[in-house]
Amino acid sequence: MKKVHLSRHASMRALMRGATEKEVLETIERGIAEPAKRGKWQSRCHFPGEYACADGKSYIGKTVEVIFAEEPDALVVVTVKVYYEQGGAR
């Protein structure tokens, strides 16, 4: 697999939205890459477990979505989205 580079924007979005760099890398490795807009690719991966968020709620899982561009020598992550699965609210 090619080297993976997170853009500054992607690093900030991952942190802000609750995804770790390890989860981002795992999403690219385990997820199925599908075409996205403007020649980019997207990959999704579900992470089960309990997650507490700043909104005071608890969630039973999350899905990390990574948008990346394929360059000759690396995959460049341009943004990271996180979708939390409800069901464990306290």
Protein backbone atom coordinates (compact mmCIF):
# COMPACT_ATOMS: atom_id res chain seq x y z
CA MET A 1 0.00 0.00 0.00
CA LYS A 2 1.13 3.53 -0.75
CA LYS A 3 2.20 5.92 1.98
CA VAL A 4 -0.74 7.89 3.46
CA HIS A 5 -0.45 11.63 4.12
CA LEU A 6 -3.09 13.62 6.02
CA SER A 7 -3.49 17.19 4.85
CA ARG A 8 -3.64 19.85 7.56
CA HIS A 9 -7.37 20.22 6.92
CA ALA A 10 -7.94 16.45 7.27
CA SER A 11 -5.95 16.30 10.52
CA MET A 12 -7.97 19.16 11.98
CA ARG A 13 -11.31 17.67 10.87
CA ALA A 14 -10.41 14.23 12.26
CA LEU A 15 -9.55 15.75 15.64
CA MET A 16 -12.63 17.98 15.67
CA ARG A 17 -14.98 15.14 14.68
CA GLY A 18 -13.53 12.46 16.96
CA ALA A 19 -11.48 10.20 14.69
CA THR A 20 -7.95 9.11 15.49
CA GLU A 21 -5.18 8.88 12.93
CA LYS A 22 -5.16 5.12 13.48
CA GLU A 23 -8.87 4.96 12.58
CA VAL A 24 -8.25 7.04 9.46
CA LEU A 25 -5.49 4.68 8.32
CA GLU A 26 -7.59 1.61 9.15
CA THR A 27 -10.50 3.06 7.16
CA ILE A 28 -8.30 3.35 4.08
CA GLU A 29 -6.87 -0.16 4.58
CA ARG A 30 -10.10 -2.02 5.46
CA GLY A 31 -12.76 0.00 3.69
CA ILE A 32 -13.74 -0.42 0.08
CA ALA A 33 -12.61 2.58 -1.96
CA GLU A 34 -15.36 4.08 -4.11
CA PRO A 35 -15.24 6.99 -6.52
CA ALA A 36 -16.06 10.37 -5.00
CA LYS A 37 -16.43 13.86 -6.47
CA ARG A 38 -13.71 15.58 -8.49
CA GLY A 39 -11.62 12.46 -9.10
CA LYS A 40 -11.18 11.66 -5.42
CA TRP A 41 -11.94 8.42 -3.57
CA GLN A 42 -13.92 7.69 -0.43
CA SER A 43 -13.71 4.83 2.01
CA ARG A 44 -15.85 4.03 5.07
CA CYS A 45 -15.28 1.84 8.08
CA HIS A 46 -17.49 1.12 11.12
CA PHE A 47 -15.99 1.11 14.60
CA PRO A 48 -18.22 -0.47 17.27
CA GLY A 49 -17.83 0.54 20.89
CA GLU A 50 -19.01 3.18 23.30
CA TYR A 51 -18.08 6.76 22.50
CA ALA A 52 -18.80 9.76 24.71
CA CYS A 53 -19.00 13.07 22.89
CA ALA A 54 -18.87 16.71 23.88
CA ASP A 55 -22.66 16.90 23.52
CA GLY A 56 -22.94 14.81 26.70
CA LYS A 57 -24.37 11.80 24.90
CA SER A 58 -22.98 8.32 24.61
CA TYR A 59 -22.98 6.49 21.29
CA ILE A 60 -22.72 2.78 20.49
CA GLY A 61 -20.52 3.06 17.43
CA LYS A 62 -19.20 5.35 14.75
CA THR A 63 -18.48 5.25 11.04
CA VAL A 64 -15.41 7.04 9.78
CA GLU A 65 -15.48 8.27 6.17
CA VAL A 66 -12.22 9.30 4.56
CA ILE A 67 -11.99 11.29 1.32
CA PHE A 68 -8.60 10.99 -0.35
CA ALA A 69 -6.74 11.63 -3.58
CA GLU A 70 -4.45 9.08 -5.17
CA GLU A 71 -1.14 10.57 -6.21
CA PRO A 72 1.76 8.71 -7.85
CA ASP A 73 3.66 8.12 -4.60
CA ALA A 74 1.04 8.58 -1.85
CA LEU A 75 -2.61 8.70 -0.85
CA VAL A 76 -3.47 12.20 0.37
CA VAL A 77 -6.37 12.44 2.81
CA VAL A 78 -8.28 15.65 2.11
CA THR A 79 -11.03 15.38 4.74
CA VAL A 80 -12.47 13.10 7.39
CA LYS A 81 -16.13 12.75 8.40
CA VAL A 82 -17.50 10.85 11.40
CA TYR A 83 -21.06 9.60 11.84
CA TYR A 84 -22.07 8.46 15.33
CA GLU A 85 -24.57 5.68 15.92
CA GLN A 86 -27.25 6.49 18.46
CA GLY A 87 -28.68 4.04 20.91
CA GLY A 88 -26.62 4.46 24.03
CA ALA A 89 -27.78 7.94 25.10
CA ARG A 90 -27.73 8.53 28.84
